[in-house]
């Protein structure tokens, strides 16, 4: 059985004002989110050949620290370019026709089998409906969740202690 005495940590945490407490906690969550994101990107590289397009696909894996609640999430998604701030787009893959597609969203869960409709126009050339394929399920985020679930709790606890201690020393609470 292991016991841990955290009275000094509790005393130091109480000395910090609320703004600095939140700052300390968010720093710890941000570091853990980046650790989980790195694992997710490595799993992505192992399942999809993203080395040819690292800026496109890998930038779609994002770590987000919550603003109002304590916590974070790592998710896949896209972000279009913003002309005002000058920030580029993220999470899009350019296919061989030069079109930008949100591949990561489809790669995690896969897609259903897709078909075209048979067009029946009288004077236009028509084509019979046919299969356009499906995307298989890669599940790199689910793999990341299974890998990191047990490790993240202990790691987050240690990171919060270090972050609070660092912030307390920075603002003169010892």
C-alpha atoms as a PDB file:
ATOM      1  CA  UNK A   1       0.000   0.000   0.000  1.00  0.00           C
ATOM      2  CA  UNK A   2       1.283   3.442  -0.924  1.00  0.00           C
ATOM      3  CA  UNK A   3       0.395   6.677   0.859  1.00  0.00           C
ATOM      4  CA  UNK A   4       1.080  10.184  -0.357  1.00  0.00           C
ATOM      5  CA  UNK A   5       1.160  13.281   1.817  1.00  0.00           C
ATOM      6  CA  UNK A   6       0.059  16.301  -0.195  1.00  0.00           C
ATOM      7  CA  UNK A   7      -0.400  18.811   2.627  1.00  0.00           C
ATOM      8  CA  UNK A   8       2.403  21.074   1.351  1.00  0.00           C
ATOM      9  CA  UNK A   9       0.949  20.968  -2.142  1.00  0.00           C
ATOM     10  CA  UNK A  10      -2.535  21.826  -0.824  1.00  0.00           C
ATOM     11  CA  UNK A  11      -1.103  24.725   1.220  1.00  0.00           C
ATOM     12  CA  UNK A  12       0.799  26.046  -1.794  1.00  0.00           C
ATOM     13  CA  UNK A  13      -2.280  25.695  -4.016  1.00  0.00           C
ATOM     14  CA  UNK A  14      -4.340  27.647  -1.473  1.00  0.00           C
ATOM     15  CA  UNK A  15      -1.767  30.498  -1.483  1.00  0.00           C
ATOM     16  CA  UNK A  16      -2.132  30.985  -5.237  1.00  0.00           C
ATOM     17  CA  UNK A  17      -4.989  33.201  -6.373  1.00  0.00           C
ATOM     18  CA  UNK A  18      -7.599  31.796  -8.746  1.00  0.00           C
ATOM     19  CA  UNK A  19      -6.048  33.272 -11.909  1.00  0.00           C
ATOM     20  CA  UNK A  20      -2.674  31.647 -11.231  1.00  0.00           C
ATOM     21  CA  UNK A  21      -4.307  28.348 -10.218  1.00  0.00           C
ATOM     22  CA  UNK A  22      -6.104  28.158 -13.563  1.00  0.00           C
ATOM     23  CA  UNK A  23      -2.877  29.059 -15.354  1.00  0.00           C
ATOM     24  CA  UNK A  24      -1.034  26.231 -13.568  1.00  0.00           C
ATOM     25  CA  UNK A  25      -3.718  23.660 -14.358  1.00  0.00           C
ATOM     26  CA  UNK A  26      -4.020  24.702 -18.004  1.00  0.00           C
ATOM     27  CA  UNK A  27      -0.260  24.383 -18.454  1.00  0.00           C
ATOM     28  CA  UNK A  28      -0.404  20.801 -17.191  1.00  0.00           C
ATOM     29  CA  UNK A  29      -3.372  19.949 -19.423  1.00  0.00           C
ATOM     30  CA  UNK A  30      -1.669  21.514 -22.456  1.00  0.00           C
ATOM     31  CA  UNK A  31       1.476  19.401 -21.966  1.00  0.00           C
ATOM     32  CA  UNK A  32      -0.575  16.220 -21.591  1.00  0.00           C
ATOM     33  CA  UNK A  33      -2.681  17.082 -24.645  1.00  0.00           C
ATOM     34  CA  UNK A  34       0.465  17.527 -26.721  1.00  0.00           C
ATOM     35  CA  UNK A  35       1.769  14.169 -25.494  1.00  0.00           C
ATOM     36  CA  UNK A  36      -1.475  12.427 -26.511  1.00  0.00           C
ATOM     37  CA  UNK A  37      -1.459  14.311 -29.835  1.00  0.00           C
ATOM     38  CA  UNK A  38       2.093  13.099 -30.559  1.00  0.00           C
ATOM     39  CA  UNK A  39       0.971   9.512 -29.960  1.00  0.00           C
ATOM     40  CA  UNK A  40      -2.043  10.013 -32.231  1.00  0.00           C
ATOM     41  CA  UNK A  41       0.163  11.426 -35.006  1.00  0.00           C
ATOM     42  CA  UNK A  42       2.517   8.428 -34.677  1.00  0.00           C
ATOM     43  CA  UNK A  43      -0.475   6.075 -34.937  1.00  0.00           C
ATOM     44  CA  UNK A  44      -1.679   8.038 -37.973  1.00  0.00           C
ATOM     45  CA  UNK A  45       1.731   7.653 -39.612  1.00  0.00           C
ATOM     46  CA  UNK A  46       1.589   3.919 -38.939  1.00  0.00           C
ATOM     47  CA  UNK A  47      -1.826   3.467 -40.516  1.00  0.00           C
ATOM     48  CA  UNK A  48      -1.876   5.992 -43.384  1.00  0.00           C
ATOM     49  CA  UNK A  49       1.124   7.093 -45.429  1.00  0.00           C
ATOM     50  CA  UNK A  50       1.107  10.697 -44.235  1.00  0.00           C
ATOM     51  CA  UNK A  51       4.825  11.328 -44.825  1.00  0.00           C
ATOM     52  CA  UNK A  52       4.084  12.523 -48.370  1.00  0.00           C
ATOM     53  CA  UNK A  53       1.709  15.162 -47.023  1.00  0.00           C
ATOM     54  CA  UNK A  54       2.760  15.836 -43.397  1.00  0.00           C
ATOM     55  CA  UNK A  55       1.465  19.407 -43.245  1.00  0.00           C
ATOM     56  CA  UNK A  56      -1.939  18.349 -44.520  1.00  0.00           C
ATOM     57  CA  UNK A  57      -2.979  15.279 -42.581  1.00  0.00           C
ATOM     58  CA  UNK A  58      -0.961  15.531 -39.383  1.00  0.00           C
ATOM     59  CA  UNK A  59      -2.002  19.124 -38.757  1.00  0.00           C
ATOM     60  CA  UNK A  60      -5.612  17.895 -38.583  1.00  0.00           C
ATOM     61  CA  UNK A  61      -4.911  16.104 -35.268  1.00  0.00           C
ATOM     62  CA  UNK A  62      -5.506  18.784 -32.648  1.00  0.00           C
ATOM     63  CA  UNK A  63      -5.148  18.983 -28.891  1.00  0.00           C
ATOM     64  CA  UNK A  64      -7.675  21.350 -27.309  1.00  0.00           C
ATOM     65  CA  UNK A  65      -7.565  22.552 -23.684  1.00  0.00           C
ATOM     66  CA  UNK A  66     -11.015  23.487 -22.388  1.00  0.00           C
ATOM     67  CA  UNK A  67     -11.513  27.142 -21.486  1.00  0.00           C
ATOM     68  CA  UNK A  68     -14.208  26.955 -18.830  1.00  0.00           C
ATOM     69  CA  UNK A  69     -13.731  23.417 -17.476  1.00  0.00           C
ATOM     70  CA  UNK A  70     -10.661  21.514 -16.370  1.00  0.00           C
ATOM     71  CA  UNK A  71      -9.572  19.074 -19.051  1.00  0.00           C
ATOM     72  CA  UNK A  72      -8.583  18.574 -22.658  1.00  0.00           C
ATOM     73  CA  UNK A  73      -9.414  16.530 -25.726  1.00  0.00           C
ATOM     74  CA  UNK A  74      -7.492  15.385 -28.763  1.00  0.00           C
ATOM     75  CA  UNK A  75      -9.576  15.271 -31.908  1.00  0.00           C
ATOM     76  CA  UNK A  76      -9.365  15.132 -35.686  1.00  0.00           C
ATOM     77  CA  UNK A  77     -10.886  17.803 -37.818  1.00  0.00           C
ATOM     78  CA  UNK A  78     -10.342  20.465 -40.413  1.00  0.00           C
ATOM     79  CA  UNK A  79      -9.877  24.203 -40.362  1.00  0.00           C
ATOM     80  CA  UNK A  80     -10.214  26.364 -43.435  1.00  0.00           C
ATOM     81  CA  UNK A  81      -7.812  29.195 -44.199  1.00  0.00           C
ATOM     82  CA  UNK A  82      -8.406  32.555 -42.564  1.00  0.00           C
ATOM     83  CA  UNK A  83      -7.531  35.551 -44.736  1.00  0.00           C
ATOM     84  CA  UNK A  84      -7.760  38.091 -41.894  1.00  0.00           C
ATOM     85  CA  UNK A  85      -5.284  36.482 -39.494  1.00  0.00           C
ATOM     86  CA  UNK A  86      -3.161  34.856 -42.184  1.00  0.00           C
ATOM     87  CA  UNK A  87      -3.406  31.384 -40.681  1.00  0.00           C
ATOM     88  CA  UNK A  88      -3.533  28.534 -43.164  1.00  0.00           C
ATOM     89  CA  UNK A  89      -5.814  25.594 -43.434  1.00  0.00           C
ATOM     90  CA  UNK A  90      -5.320  22.394 -41.484  1.00  0.00           C
ATOM     91  CA  UNK A  91      -6.361  18.790 -41.872  1.00  0.00           C
ATOM     92  CA  UNK A  92      -6.949  18.710 -45.636  1.00  0.00           C
ATOM     93  CA  UNK A  93      -5.371  16.279 -48.069  1.00  0.00           C
ATOM     94  CA  UNK A  94      -4.862  17.320 -51.688  1.00  0.00           C
ATOM     95  CA  UNK A  95      -5.875  14.443 -53.951  1.00  0.00           C
ATOM     96  CA  UNK A  96      -4.501  13.676 -57.406  1.00  0.00           C
ATOM     97  CA  UNK A  97      -7.065  15.954 -59.032  1.00  0.00           C
ATOM     98  CA  UNK A  98      -5.906  18.896 -56.907  1.00  0.00           C
ATOM     99  CA  UNK A  99      -9.013  18.937 -54.707  1.00  0.00           C
ATOM    100  CA  UNK A 100      -8.713  19.346 -50.944  1.00  0.00           C
ATOM    101  CA  UNK A 101     -10.511  16.645 -48.962  1.00  0.00           C
ATOM    102  CA  UNK A 102     -11.017  16.109 -45.186  1.00  0.00           C
ATOM    103  CA  UNK A 103      -9.580  12.586 -45.186  1.00  0.00           C
ATOM    104  CA  UNK A 104      -8.962  12.268 -41.419  1.00  0.00           C
ATOM    105  CA  UNK A 105     -12.644  12.550 -40.567  1.00  0.00           C
ATOM    106  CA  UNK A 106     -13.428   9.629 -42.881  1.00  0.00           C
ATOM    107  CA  UNK A 107     -10.310   7.607 -42.018  1.00  0.00           C
ATOM    108  CA  UNK A 108     -11.158   7.199 -38.334  1.00  0.00           C
ATOM    109  CA  UNK A 109     -14.559   5.517 -38.782  1.00  0.00           C
ATOM    110  CA  UNK A 110     -14.434   4.562 -42.471  1.00  0.00           C
ATOM    111  CA  UNK A 111     -17.266   5.189 -44.921  1.00  0.00           C
ATOM    112  CA  UNK A 112     -20.178   3.209 -46.302  1.00  0.00           C
ATOM    113  CA  UNK A 113     -20.068   1.718 -49.775  1.00  0.00           C
ATOM    114  CA  UNK A 114     -21.050   4.499 -52.191  1.00  0.00           C
ATOM    115  CA  UNK A 115     -22.889   4.238 -55.534  1.00  0.00           C
ATOM    116  CA  UNK A 116     -23.914   6.611 -58.289  1.00  0.00           C
ATOM    117  CA  UNK A 117     -27.462   6.815 -59.572  1.00  0.00           C
ATOM    118  CA  UNK A 118     -28.485   5.671 -63.035  1.00  0.00           C
ATOM    119  CA  UNK A 119     -29.492   8.724 -65.025  1.00  0.00           C
ATOM    120  CA  UNK A 120     -32.368   8.270 -67.477  1.00  0.00           C
ATOM    121  CA  UNK A 121     -32.316  11.320 -69.728  1.00  0.00           C
ATOM    122  CA  UNK A 122     -33.851  10.863 -73.180  1.00  0.00           C
ATOM    123  CA  UNK A 123     -31.438  12.788 -75.449  1.00  0.00           C
ATOM    124  CA  UNK A 124     -28.296  12.871 -73.278  1.00  0.00           C
ATOM    125  CA  UNK A 125     -25.759  10.119 -73.004  1.00  0.00           C
ATOM    126  CA  UNK A 126     -26.307   8.317 -69.715  1.00  0.00           C
ATOM    127  CA  UNK A 127     -24.293   5.873 -67.708  1.00  0.00           C
ATOM    128  CA  UNK A 128     -25.489   3.029 -65.572  1.00  0.00           C
ATOM    129  CA  UNK A 129     -25.122   3.438 -61.799  1.00  0.00           C
ATOM    130  CA  UNK A 130     -21.906   1.975 -60.414  1.00  0.00           C
ATOM    131  CA  UNK A 131     -19.921   1.620 -57.229  1.00  0.00           C
ATOM    132  CA  UNK A 132     -17.558   4.444 -56.320  1.00  0.00           C
ATOM    133  CA  UNK A 133     -16.000   2.521 -53.434  1.00  0.00           C
ATOM    134  CA  UNK A 134     -15.647   2.948 -49.717  1.00  0.00           C
ATOM    135  CA  UNK A 135     -12.912   3.949 -47.316  1.00  0.00           C
ATOM    136  CA  UNK A 136     -11.768   1.377 -44.807  1.00  0.00           C
ATOM    137  CA  UNK A 137     -11.723   2.116 -41.103  1.00  0.00           C
ATOM    138  CA  UNK A 138      -8.221   2.956 -39.820  1.00  0.00           C
ATOM    139  CA  UNK A 139      -9.118   3.690 -36.183  1.00  0.00           C
ATOM    140  CA  UNK A 140      -5.867   5.454 -35.229  1.00  0.00           C
ATOM    141  CA  UNK A 141      -7.626   7.661 -32.654  1.00  0.00           C
ATOM    142  CA  UNK A 142      -9.285   4.671 -30.978  1.00  0.00           C
ATOM    143  CA  UNK A 143      -5.870   2.975 -30.834  1.00  0.00           C
ATOM    144  CA  UNK A 144      -4.449   6.133 -29.223  1.00  0.00           C
ATOM    145  CA  UNK A 145      -7.249   6.160 -26.657  1.00  0.00           C
ATOM    146  CA  UNK A 146      -6.582   2.542 -25.703  1.00  0.00           C
ATOM    147  CA  UNK A 147      -2.823   3.132 -25.449  1.00  0.00           C
ATOM    148  CA  UNK A 148      -2.960   6.347 -23.444  1.00  0.00           C
ATOM    149  CA  UNK A 149      -5.965   5.818 -21.151  1.00  0.00           C
ATOM    150  CA  UNK A 150      -4.046   4.088 -18.364  1.00  0.00           C
ATOM    151  CA  UNK A 151      -0.863   6.126 -18.694  1.00  0.00           C
ATOM    152  CA  UNK A 152      -2.419   9.562 -18.808  1.00  0.00           C
ATOM    153  CA  UNK A 153      -3.972   9.550 -15.315  1.00  0.00           C
ATOM    154  CA  UNK A 154      -0.705   9.109 -13.403  1.00  0.00           C
ATOM    155  CA  UNK A 155       1.179  11.302 -15.812  1.00  0.00           C
ATOM    156  CA  UNK A 156      -1.428  14.060 -15.526  1.00  0.00           C
ATOM    157  CA  UNK A 157      -1.329  13.924 -11.727  1.00  0.00           C
ATOM    158  CA  UNK A 158       2.466  14.346 -11.719  1.00  0.00           C
ATOM    159  CA  UNK A 159       2.285  17.082 -14.359  1.00  0.00           C
ATOM    160  CA  UNK A 160      -0.297  19.039 -12.314  1.00  0.00           C
ATOM    161  CA  UNK A 161       1.920  18.834  -9.218  1.00  0.00           C
ATOM    162  CA  UNK A 162       4.947  20.054 -11.184  1.00  0.00           C
ATOM    163  CA  UNK A 163       2.976  22.820 -12.882  1.00  0.00           C
ATOM    164  CA  UNK A 164       1.485  24.095  -9.615  1.00  0.00           C
ATOM    165  CA  UNK A 165       4.925  24.023  -7.951  1.00  0.00           C
ATOM    166  CA  UNK A 166       6.494  25.879 -10.892  1.00  0.00           C
ATOM    167  CA  UNK A 167       3.740  28.513 -10.913  1.00  0.00           C
ATOM    168  CA  UNK A 168       3.904  28.927  -7.128  1.00  0.00           C
ATOM    169  CA  UNK A 169       7.669  29.527  -7.243  1.00  0.00           C
ATOM    170  CA  UNK A 170       7.213  31.991 -10.105  1.00  0.00           C
ATOM    171  CA  UNK A 171       4.736  34.090  -8.118  1.00  0.00           C
ATOM    172  CA  UNK A 172       6.529  33.888  -4.765  1.00  0.00           C
ATOM    173  CA  UNK A 173       4.496  31.232  -2.947  1.00  0.00           C
ATOM    174  CA  UNK A 174       6.801  28.678  -1.302  1.00  0.00           C
END
